[in-house]
Amino acid sequence: MRITLLVILFLVAACGSETPEEPQATVAKTQEDTLVDAAHNSRNALDWPGTYTGMVPCADCDGIQTSITLRADGSFERERLYLGKPGAPMSDSGQFAWNEAGSIVTLAAADGTTQMYQVGENLLFHLDQAGNRITGDLAPQYVLAKSVRDDRIEDRKWLLVEVMGQAYTPSEEDREAFLLLDSDQGRASGNNSCNNFFGGYVIQAGQRIRFAGNMGATMMACPDMSMEQSFMEALRTVDNYTVSADELSLNKARMAPLLRFRLAPATD
């Protein structure tokens, strides 16, 4: 009996002296997961630079057509058009900063106003002033989608051949009219037969394209300004495009092309 009791006591003491390994392993695993999550946030794991567009709800208009371009250097450009209200689109620019978690950017405009957005996979979520996601039935309308790229038309020089059905051939006084779409900057530039122009553009799925409503241009006077005026009017109107190997058409809905271009030779 005494021997049996001693054996039991020995076994209990041995079990009590063992150090459990599993909790330590669990702690180590948790720390490892935390490091992995920190290394794969929106800032360093997503292809976030680009242009995002959408229609944000408006209290006293039909909606705010919004376009935001985020650049890798920390700068942004934003354009907002208040539908149903008179006036040109409102444009501003400035710098943006990431939060510590690398998930939210805060846009700081030149006038001192700020706006926060959560960065997702090809999406920007418009946040409230407290930095929270919008909830409720209107939540999907507070999401901006990243514009797509199309190597067939971007980063190539397109020479103008037709404006609103009228053939275009540069005269001796005219400068060569052309269009360039810079995919890295989301900027359109070129010449409208007289002046150089520049401004933002957005390509969306389904070969849809939109140019900034407030395209800028130089102010040089030319003998005949009618072609320039038609060009700029068409550029503000188009909403889709068609492209073949060496031809680009900018269109409005299913109407005839408003602007037609041909691909410039590689030596241009």
C-alpha atoms as a PDB file:
ATOM      1  CA  MET A   1       0.000   0.000   0.000  1.00  0.00           C
ATOM      2  CA  ARG A   2       2.801   2.355   0.984  1.00  0.00           C
ATOM      3  CA  ILE A   3       4.674   1.575  -2.244  1.00  0.00           C
ATOM      4  CA  THR A   4       1.574   2.308  -4.337  1.00  0.00           C
ATOM      5  CA  LEU A   5       1.074   5.672  -2.617  1.00  0.00           C
ATOM      6  CA  LEU A   6       4.698   6.666  -3.244  1.00  0.00           C
ATOM      7  CA  VAL A   7       4.375   5.860  -6.948  1.00  0.00           C
ATOM      8  CA  ILE A   8       1.248   8.024  -7.242  1.00  0.00           C
ATOM      9  CA  LEU A   9       2.928  10.963  -5.508  1.00  0.00           C
ATOM     10  CA  PHE A  10       5.971  10.659  -7.787  1.00  0.00           C
ATOM     11  CA  LEU A  11       3.807  10.751 -10.918  1.00  0.00           C
ATOM     12  CA  VAL A  12       1.857  13.809  -9.704  1.00  0.00           C
ATOM     13  CA  ALA A  13       5.096  15.702  -8.960  1.00  0.00           C
ATOM     14  CA  ALA A  14       6.516  14.835 -12.377  1.00  0.00           C
ATOM     15  CA  CYS A  15       3.407  16.079 -14.186  1.00  0.00           C
ATOM     16  CA  GLY A  16       3.405  19.322 -12.215  1.00  0.00           C
ATOM     17  CA  SER A  17       6.998  20.054 -13.151  1.00  0.00           C
ATOM     18  CA  GLU A  18       6.389  19.875 -16.937  1.00  0.00           C
ATOM     19  CA  THR A  19       6.293  23.247 -18.757  1.00  0.00           C
ATOM     20  CA  PRO A  20       3.406  23.412 -21.271  1.00  0.00           C
ATOM     21  CA  GLU A  21       4.698  24.071 -24.797  1.00  0.00           C
ATOM     22  CA  GLU A  22       1.440  24.705 -26.671  1.00  0.00           C
ATOM     23  CA  PRO A  23       0.594  28.178 -25.245  1.00  0.00           C
ATOM     24  CA  GLN A  24       4.069  29.455 -26.213  1.00  0.00           C
ATOM     25  CA  ALA A  25       3.609  28.132 -29.721  1.00  0.00           C
ATOM     26  CA  THR A  26       0.219  29.838 -29.903  1.00  0.00           C
ATOM     27  CA  VAL A  27       1.696  33.182 -28.809  1.00  0.00           C
ATOM     28  CA  ALA A  28       4.481  32.881 -31.364  1.00  0.00           C
ATOM     29  CA  LYS A  29       1.951  32.093 -34.102  1.00  0.00           C
ATOM     30  CA  THR A  30      -0.130  35.144 -33.162  1.00  0.00           C
ATOM     31  CA  GLN A  31       2.924  37.412 -33.310  1.00  0.00           C
ATOM     32  CA  GLU A  32       3.875  35.970 -36.688  1.00  0.00           C
ATOM     33  CA  ASP A  33       0.368  36.595 -38.058  1.00  0.00           C
ATOM     34  CA  THR A  34       0.515  40.193 -36.838  1.00  0.00           C
ATOM     35  CA  LEU A  35       3.800  40.782 -38.678  1.00  0.00           C
ATOM     36  CA  VAL A  36       2.404  39.246 -41.861  1.00  0.00           C
ATOM     37  CA  ASP A  37      -0.710  41.436 -41.702  1.00  0.00           C
ATOM     38  CA  ALA A  38       1.408  44.558 -41.198  1.00  0.00           C
ATOM     39  CA  ALA A  39       3.497  43.681 -44.244  1.00  0.00           C
ATOM     40  CA  HIS A  40       0.462  43.236 -46.498  1.00  0.00           C
ATOM     41  CA  ASN A  41      -1.629  46.356 -45.974  1.00  0.00           C
ATOM     42  CA  SER A  42      -3.263  48.391 -48.715  1.00  0.00           C
ATOM     43  CA  ARG A  43      -0.316  50.754 -49.042  1.00  0.00           C
ATOM     44  CA  ASN A  44       2.349  48.171 -49.830  1.00  0.00           C
ATOM     45  CA  ALA A  45       0.364  45.200 -51.138  1.00  0.00           C
ATOM     46  CA  LEU A  46      -2.097  46.809 -53.586  1.00  0.00           C
ATOM     47  CA  ASP A  47      -1.596  48.510 -56.942  1.00  0.00           C
ATOM     48  CA  TRP A  48      -3.362  51.607 -55.643  1.00  0.00           C
ATOM     49  CA  PRO A  49      -1.977  54.506 -57.801  1.00  0.00           C
ATOM     50  CA  GLY A  50      -4.505  55.519 -60.445  1.00  0.00           C
ATOM     51  CA  THR A  51      -7.807  57.279 -61.030  1.00  0.00           C
ATOM     52  CA  TYR A  52     -11.021  56.385 -59.199  1.00  0.00           C
ATOM     53  CA  THR A  53     -14.479  57.525 -60.261  1.00  0.00           C
ATOM     54  CA  GLY A  54     -18.048  57.290 -59.056  1.00  0.00           C
ATOM     55  CA  MET A  55     -21.287  59.119 -58.308  1.00  0.00           C
ATOM     56  CA  VAL A  56     -21.477  60.243 -54.677  1.00  0.00           C
ATOM     57  CA  PRO A  57     -24.899  61.175 -53.197  1.00  0.00           C
ATOM     58  CA  CYS A  58     -25.719  64.869 -52.888  1.00  0.00           C
ATOM     59  CA  ALA A  59     -28.169  66.537 -50.489  1.00  0.00           C
ATOM     60  CA  ASP A  60     -29.278  69.276 -52.894  1.00  0.00           C
ATOM     61  CA  CYS A  61     -28.372  67.978 -56.377  1.00  0.00           C
ATOM     62  CA  ASP A  62     -28.716  64.851 -58.505  1.00  0.00           C
ATOM     63  CA  GLY A  63     -25.344  63.504 -57.468  1.00  0.00           C
ATOM     64  CA  ILE A  64     -21.676  64.440 -57.412  1.00  0.00           C
ATOM     65  CA  GLN A  65     -19.725  62.919 -60.280  1.00  0.00           C
ATOM     66  CA  THR A  66     -16.341  62.429 -58.632  1.00  0.00           C
ATOM     67  CA  SER A  67     -12.909  61.615 -60.041  1.00  0.00           C
ATOM     68  CA  ILE A  68      -9.816  61.245 -57.839  1.00  0.00           C
ATOM     69  CA  THR A  69      -6.301  60.497 -59.066  1.00  0.00           C
ATOM     70  CA  LEU A  70      -3.801  59.215 -56.492  1.00  0.00           C
ATOM     71  CA  ARG A  71      -0.153  59.320 -57.517  1.00  0.00           C
ATOM     72  CA  ALA A  72       2.804  57.393 -56.134  1.00  0.00           C
ATOM     73  CA  ASP A  73       4.528  60.653 -55.115  1.00  0.00           C
ATOM     74  CA  GLY A  74       1.761  61.389 -52.577  1.00  0.00           C
ATOM     75  CA  SER A  75      -0.103  63.984 -54.641  1.00  0.00           C
ATOM     76  CA  PHE A  76      -3.720  63.883 -55.766  1.00  0.00           C
ATOM     77  CA  GLU A  77      -6.057  65.593 -58.192  1.00  0.00           C
ATOM     78  CA  ARG A  78      -9.818  65.664 -57.732  1.00  0.00           C
ATOM     79  CA  GLU A  79     -12.702  66.774 -59.927  1.00  0.00           C
ATOM     80  CA  ARG A  80     -16.322  67.041 -58.770  1.00  0.00           C
ATOM     81  CA  LEU A  81     -19.289  67.873 -60.974  1.00  0.00           C
ATOM     82  CA  TYR A  82     -22.562  68.666 -59.185  1.00  0.00           C
ATOM     83  CA  LEU A  83     -25.222  67.282 -61.491  1.00  0.00           C
ATOM     84  CA  GLY A  84     -28.362  69.372 -61.846  1.00  0.00           C
ATOM     85  CA  LYS A  85     -26.543  72.550 -60.859  1.00  0.00           C
ATOM     86  CA  PRO A  86     -25.109  75.173 -63.204  1.00  0.00           C
ATOM     87  CA  GLY A  87     -21.397  75.689 -63.435  1.00  0.00           C
ATOM     88  CA  ALA A  88     -18.243  73.889 -64.466  1.00  0.00           C
ATOM     89  CA  PRO A  89     -16.712  70.985 -62.524  1.00  0.00           C
ATOM     90  CA  MET A  90     -14.830  71.906 -59.371  1.00  0.00           C
ATOM     91  CA  SER A  91     -11.180  70.862 -59.414  1.00  0.00           C
ATOM     92  CA  ASP A  92      -8.557  70.830 -56.686  1.00  0.00           C
ATOM     93  CA  SER A  93      -5.300  69.140 -55.851  1.00  0.00           C
ATOM     94  CA  GLY A  94      -2.918  68.635 -52.979  1.00  0.00           C
ATOM     95  CA  GLN A  95      -1.146  65.979 -50.961  1.00  0.00           C
ATOM     96  CA  PHE A  96      -2.481  62.883 -49.244  1.00  0.00           C
ATOM     97  CA  ALA A  97      -1.157  60.924 -46.266  1.00  0.00           C
ATOM     98  CA  TRP A  98      -1.581  57.310 -45.151  1.00  0.00           C
ATOM     99  CA  ASN A  99      -2.659  56.330 -41.673  1.00  0.00           C
ATOM    100  CA  GLU A 100      -0.321  54.207 -39.555  1.00  0.00           C
ATOM    101  CA  ALA A 101      -2.088  50.994 -40.556  1.00  0.00           C
ATOM    102  CA  GLY A 102      -1.579  51.732 -44.252  1.00  0.00           C
ATOM    103  CA  SER A 103      -5.277  51.333 -45.020  1.00  0.00           C
ATOM    104  CA  ILE A 104      -6.699  54.881 -45.164  1.00  0.00           C
ATOM    105  CA  VAL A 105      -5.588  57.994 -47.052  1.00  0.00           C
ATOM    106  CA  THR A 106      -6.476  61.541 -46.051  1.00  0.00           C
ATOM    107  CA  LEU A 107      -6.662  64.071 -48.871  1.00  0.00           C
ATOM    108  CA  ALA A 108      -5.629  67.562 -47.815  1.00  0.00           C
ATOM    109  CA  ALA A 109      -6.679  70.230 -50.315  1.00  0.00           C
ATOM    110  CA  ALA A 110      -5.105  73.656 -50.664  1.00  0.00           C
ATOM    111  CA  ASP A 111      -8.094  75.287 -48.944  1.00  0.00           C
ATOM    112  CA  GLY A 112      -7.480  73.254 -45.788  1.00  0.00           C
ATOM    113  CA  THR A 113     -10.365  70.797 -46.179  1.00  0.00           C
ATOM    114  CA  THR A 114      -9.705  67.090 -45.723  1.00  0.00           C
ATOM    115  CA  GLN A 115     -11.449  63.880 -46.746  1.00  0.00           C
ATOM    116  CA  MET A 116     -10.634  60.289 -45.806  1.00  0.00           C
ATOM    117  CA  TYR A 117     -10.895  57.220 -48.025  1.00  0.00           C
ATOM    118  CA  GLN A 118     -10.282  53.578 -47.240  1.00  0.00           C
ATOM    119  CA  VAL A 119      -8.195  51.944 -49.975  1.00  0.00           C
ATOM    120  CA  GLY A 120      -9.378  48.554 -51.198  1.00  0.00           C
ATOM    121  CA  GLU A 121      -8.687  46.307 -54.179  1.00  0.00           C
ATOM    122  CA  ASN A 122      -9.320  48.743 -57.066  1.00  0.00           C
ATOM    123  CA  LEU A 123     -11.774  50.673 -54.862  1.00  0.00           C
ATOM    124  CA  LEU A 124     -11.884  53.806 -52.705  1.00  0.00           C
ATOM    125  CA  PHE A 125     -14.456  53.876 -49.892  1.00  0.00           C
ATOM    126  CA  HIS A 126     -15.617  57.402 -49.025  1.00  0.00           C
ATOM    127  CA  LEU A 127     -15.487  57.680 -45.202  1.00  0.00           C
ATOM    128  CA  ASP A 128     -17.357  59.948 -42.831  1.00  0.00           C
ATOM    129  CA  GLN A 129     -15.568  62.652 -40.849  1.00  0.00           C
ATOM    130  CA  ALA A 130     -14.822  60.167 -38.052  1.00  0.00           C
ATOM    131  CA  GLY A 131     -13.099  57.831 -40.482  1.00  0.00           C
ATOM    132  CA  ASN A 132     -15.869  55.229 -40.575  1.00  0.00           C
ATOM    133  CA  ARG A 133     -17.385  53.481 -43.589  1.00  0.00           C
ATOM    134  CA  ILE A 134     -20.808  54.724 -44.711  1.00  0.00           C
ATOM    135  CA  THR A 135     -23.563  52.253 -43.866  1.00  0.00           C
ATOM    136  CA  GLY A 136     -27.179  51.827 -44.911  1.00  0.00           C
ATOM    137  CA  ASP A 137     -28.922  51.660 -48.266  1.00  0.00           C
ATOM    138  CA  LEU A 138     -26.719  54.374 -49.808  1.00  0.00           C
ATOM    139  CA  ALA A 139     -23.426  52.709 -48.831  1.00  0.00           C
ATOM    140  CA  PRO A 140     -22.698  51.309 -52.345  1.00  0.00           C
ATOM    141  CA  GLN A 141     -22.901  54.836 -53.758  1.00  0.00           C
ATOM    142  CA  TYR A 142     -19.991  55.955 -51.574  1.00  0.00           C
ATOM    143  CA  VAL A 143     -17.543  53.698 -53.414  1.00  0.00           C
ATOM    144  CA  LEU A 144     -15.258  54.904 -56.220  1.00  0.00           C
ATOM    145  CA  ALA A 145     -13.945  52.350 -58.725  1.00  0.00           C
ATOM    146  CA  LYS A 146     -10.459  52.460 -60.194  1.00  0.00           C
ATOM    147  CA  SER A 147     -10.284  53.197 -63.899  1.00  0.00           C
ATOM    148  CA  VAL A 148      -8.907  50.490 -66.155  1.00  0.00           C
ATOM    149  CA  ARG A 149      -5.979  50.698 -68.558  1.00  0.00           C
ATOM    150  CA  ASP A 150      -6.005  49.976 -72.245  1.00  0.00           C
ATOM    151  CA  ASP A 151      -2.587  49.587 -73.820  1.00  0.00           C
ATOM    152  CA  ARG A 152      -4.169  49.755 -77.257  1.00  0.00           C
ATOM    153  CA  ILE A 153      -4.883  53.462 -76.939  1.00  0.00           C
ATOM    154  CA  GLU A 154      -2.756  54.754 -74.041  1.00  0.00           C
ATOM    155  CA  ASP A 155       0.835  55.963 -74.315  1.00  0.00           C
ATOM    156  CA  ARG A 156       0.539  56.270 -78.095  1.00  0.00           C
ATOM    157  CA  LYS A 157       0.308  59.312 -80.356  1.00  0.00           C
ATOM    158  CA  TRP A 158      -2.957  59.636 -82.291  1.00  0.00           C
ATOM    159  CA  LEU A 159      -3.187  62.083 -85.214  1.00  0.00           C
ATOM    160  CA  LEU A 160      -6.540  63.767 -85.829  1.00  0.00           C
ATOM    161  CA  VAL A 161      -8.259  62.919 -89.134  1.00  0.00           C
ATOM    162  CA  GLU A 162     -11.905  63.891 -88.549  1.00  0.00           C
ATOM    163  CA  VAL A 163     -13.974  66.149 -86.283  1.00  0.00           C
ATOM    164  CA  MET A 164     -17.754  65.665 -86.100  1.00  0.00           C
ATOM    165  CA  GLY A 165     -17.831  64.160 -89.591  1.00  0.00           C
ATOM    166  CA  GLN A 166     -15.613  66.853 -91.103  1.00  0.00           C
ATOM    167  CA  ALA A 167     -12.279  65.663 -92.480  1.00  0.00           C
ATOM    168  CA  TYR A 168      -9.265  67.380 -90.970  1.00  0.00           C
ATOM    169  CA  THR A 169      -6.099  68.133 -92.909  1.00  0.00           C
ATOM    170  CA  PRO A 170      -3.646  70.608 -91.368  1.00  0.00           C
ATOM    171  CA  SER A 171      -3.151  73.763 -93.427  1.00  0.00           C
ATOM    172  CA  GLU A 172       0.082  75.674 -93.508  1.00  0.00           C
ATOM    173  CA  GLU A 173      -1.165  77.839 -90.622  1.00  0.00           C
ATOM    174  CA  ASP A 174      -2.471  74.939 -88.538  1.00  0.00           C
ATOM    175  CA  ARG A 175      -0.392  72.935 -86.151  1.00  0.00           C
ATOM    176  CA  GLU A 176      -0.669  69.148 -86.312  1.00  0.00           C
ATOM    177  CA  ALA A 177      -3.626  68.094 -84.151  1.00  0.00           C
ATOM    178  CA  PHE A 178      -3.069  65.005 -82.025  1.00  0.00           C
ATOM    179  CA  LEU A 179      -4.007  63.206 -78.793  1.00  0.00           C
ATOM    180  CA  LEU A 180      -1.828  61.533 -76.151  1.00  0.00           C
ATOM    181  CA  LEU A 181      -3.146  59.552 -73.167  1.00  0.00           C
ATOM    182  CA  ASP A 182      -0.558  59.191 -70.385  1.00  0.00           C
ATOM    183  CA  SER A 183      -1.487  56.059 -68.428  1.00  0.00           C
ATOM    184  CA  ASP A 184       0.844  56.775 -65.490  1.00  0.00           C
ATOM    185  CA  GLN A 185      -0.527  60.250 -64.847  1.00  0.00           C
ATOM    186  CA  GLY A 186      -4.090  59.764 -66.079  1.00  0.00           C
ATOM    187  CA  ARG A 187      -3.584  62.881 -68.194  1.00  0.00           C
ATOM    188  CA  ALA A 188      -4.687  63.671 -71.734  1.00  0.00           C
ATOM    189  CA  SER A 189      -2.721  66.175 -73.791  1.00  0.00           C
ATOM    190  CA  GLY A 190      -2.171  67.181 -77.379  1.00  0.00           C
ATOM    191  CA  ASN A 191      -3.077  69.870 -79.846  1.00  0.00           C
ATOM    192  CA  ASN A 192      -6.568  70.829 -81.035  1.00  0.00           C
ATOM    193  CA  SER A 193      -5.373  72.296 -84.410  1.00  0.00           C
ATOM    194  CA  CYS A 194      -4.370  75.593 -82.830  1.00  0.00           C
ATOM    195  CA  ASN A 195      -3.663  75.369 -79.090  1.00  0.00           C
ATOM    196  CA  ASN A 196      -2.198  72.734 -76.835  1.00  0.00           C
ATOM    197  CA  PHE A 197      -4.684  71.187 -74.387  1.00  0.00           C
ATOM    198  CA  PHE A 198      -4.359  69.127 -71.216  1.00  0.00           C
ATOM    199  CA  GLY A 199      -6.510  67.556 -68.506  1.00  0.00           C
ATOM    200  CA  GLY A 200      -7.583  64.334 -66.880  1.00  0.00           C
ATOM    201  CA  TYR A 201      -9.292  61.329 -68.420  1.00  0.00           C
ATOM    202  CA  VAL A 202     -10.796  58.088 -67.142  1.00  0.00           C
ATOM    203  CA  ILE A 203     -11.199  54.741 -68.913  1.00  0.00           C
ATOM    204  CA  GLN A 204     -13.819  52.371 -67.548  1.00  0.00           C
ATOM    205  CA  ALA A 205     -14.907  48.849 -68.411  1.00  0.00           C
ATOM    206  CA  GLY A 206     -16.779  48.416 -71.680  1.00  0.00           C
ATOM    207  CA  GLN A 207     -14.514  50.817 -73.602  1.00  0.00           C
ATOM    208  CA  ARG A 208     -16.002  53.832 -71.885  1.00  0.00           C
ATOM    209  CA  ILE A 209     -13.941  57.004 -71.620  1.00  0.00           C
ATOM    210  CA  ARG A 210     -14.508  60.421 -70.112  1.00  0.00           C
ATOM    211  CA  PHE A 211     -12.366  63.542 -70.313  1.00  0.00           C
ATOM    212  CA  ALA A 212     -12.221  66.203 -67.612  1.00  0.00           C
ATOM    213  CA  GLY A 213     -14.909  68.830 -67.986  1.00  0.00           C
ATOM    214  CA  ASN A 214     -12.442  71.638 -67.343  1.00  0.00           C
ATOM    215  CA  MET A 215      -9.729  70.773 -69.858  1.00  0.00           C
ATOM    216  CA  GLY A 216      -7.087  73.480 -69.948  1.00  0.00           C
ATOM    217  CA  ALA A 217      -5.551  74.949 -73.099  1.00  0.00           C
ATOM    218  CA  THR A 218      -3.095  77.578 -74.219  1.00  0.00           C
ATOM    219  CA  MET A 219      -4.509  80.865 -75.535  1.00  0.00           C
ATOM    220  CA  MET A 220      -2.820  81.404 -78.886  1.00  0.00           C
ATOM    221  CA  ALA A 221      -4.988  83.028 -81.586  1.00  0.00           C
ATOM    222  CA  CYS A 222      -5.288  81.313 -84.982  1.00  0.00           C
ATOM    223  CA  PRO A 223      -6.836  82.486 -88.288  1.00  0.00           C
ATOM    224  CA  ASP A 224      -9.675  79.954 -88.022  1.00  0.00           C
ATOM    225  CA  MET A 225     -10.759  78.864 -84.519  1.00  0.00           C
ATOM    226  CA  SER A 226     -13.817  76.873 -85.592  1.00  0.00           C
ATOM    227  CA  MET A 227     -11.960  73.549 -85.833  1.00  0.00           C
ATOM    228  CA  GLU A 228     -10.468  74.027 -82.380  1.00  0.00           C
ATOM    229  CA  GLN A 229     -13.874  74.831 -80.893  1.00  0.00           C
ATOM    230  CA  SER A 230     -15.444  71.751 -82.484  1.00  0.00           C
ATOM    231  CA  PHE A 231     -12.568  69.569 -81.265  1.00  0.00           C
ATOM    232  CA  MET A 232     -12.858  70.707 -77.646  1.00  0.00           C
ATOM    233  CA  GLU A 233     -16.660  70.450 -77.670  1.00  0.00           C
ATOM    234  CA  ALA A 234     -16.414  66.884 -78.966  1.00  0.00           C
ATOM    235  CA  LEU A 235     -13.774  65.966 -76.386  1.00  0.00           C
ATOM    236  CA  ARG A 236     -16.060  67.108 -73.561  1.00  0.00           C
ATOM    237  CA  THR A 237     -18.975  65.118 -75.019  1.00  0.00           C
ATOM    238  CA  VAL A 238     -17.565  61.674 -75.843  1.00  0.00           C
ATOM    239  CA  ASP A 239     -18.323  58.759 -73.522  1.00  0.00           C
ATOM    240  CA  ASN A 240     -16.955  55.681 -75.326  1.00  0.00           C
ATOM    241  CA  TYR A 241     -14.371  54.613 -77.887  1.00  0.00           C
ATOM    242  CA  THR A 242     -13.651  52.019 -80.529  1.00  0.00           C
ATOM    243  CA  VAL A 243     -10.179  51.016 -81.625  1.00  0.00           C
ATOM    244  CA  SER A 244      -8.550  48.902 -84.315  1.00  0.00           C
ATOM    245  CA  ALA A 245      -4.882  48.368 -85.038  1.00  0.00           C
ATOM    246  CA  ASP A 246      -4.251  51.929 -86.216  1.00  0.00           C
ATOM    247  CA  GLU A 247      -7.555  53.804 -85.855  1.00  0.00           C
ATOM    248  CA  LEU A 248      -9.197  55.322 -82.791  1.00  0.00           C
ATOM    249  CA  SER A 249     -12.732  56.729 -82.698  1.00  0.00           C
ATOM    250  CA  LEU A 250     -14.170  58.715 -79.799  1.00  0.00           C
ATOM    251  CA  ASN A 251     -17.957  58.476 -79.734  1.00  0.00           C
ATOM    252  CA  LYS A 252     -21.096  59.608 -77.959  1.00  0.00           C
ATOM    253  CA  ALA A 253     -23.447  56.694 -77.185  1.00  0.00           C
ATOM    254  CA  ARG A 254     -24.294  54.983 -80.495  1.00  0.00           C
ATOM    255  CA  MET A 255     -23.875  58.097 -82.603  1.00  0.00           C
ATOM    256  CA  ALA A 256     -21.363  58.441 -85.420  1.00  0.00           C
ATOM    257  CA  PRO A 257     -17.802  59.087 -84.194  1.00  0.00           C
ATOM    258  CA  LEU A 258     -17.234  62.628 -82.971  1.00  0.00           C
ATOM    259  CA  LEU A 259     -13.446  62.406 -83.281  1.00  0.00           C
ATOM    260  CA  ARG A 260     -11.377  60.050 -85.393  1.00  0.00           C
ATOM    261  CA  PHE A 261      -7.618  59.537 -85.216  1.00  0.00           C
ATOM    262  CA  ARG A 262      -4.975  57.414 -86.874  1.00  0.00           C
ATOM    263  CA  LEU A 263      -1.899  56.045 -85.161  1.00  0.00           C
ATOM    264  CA  ALA A 264       1.180  58.173 -85.750  1.00  0.00           C
ATOM    265  CA  PRO A 265       4.152  56.443 -87.380  1.00  0.00           C
ATOM    266  CA  ALA A 266       6.746  55.226 -84.908  1.00  0.00           C
ATOM    267  CA  THR A 267       9.204  57.851 -86.087  1.00  0.00           C
ATOM    268  CA  ASP A 268       6.897  60.740 -85.060  1.00  0.00           C
END
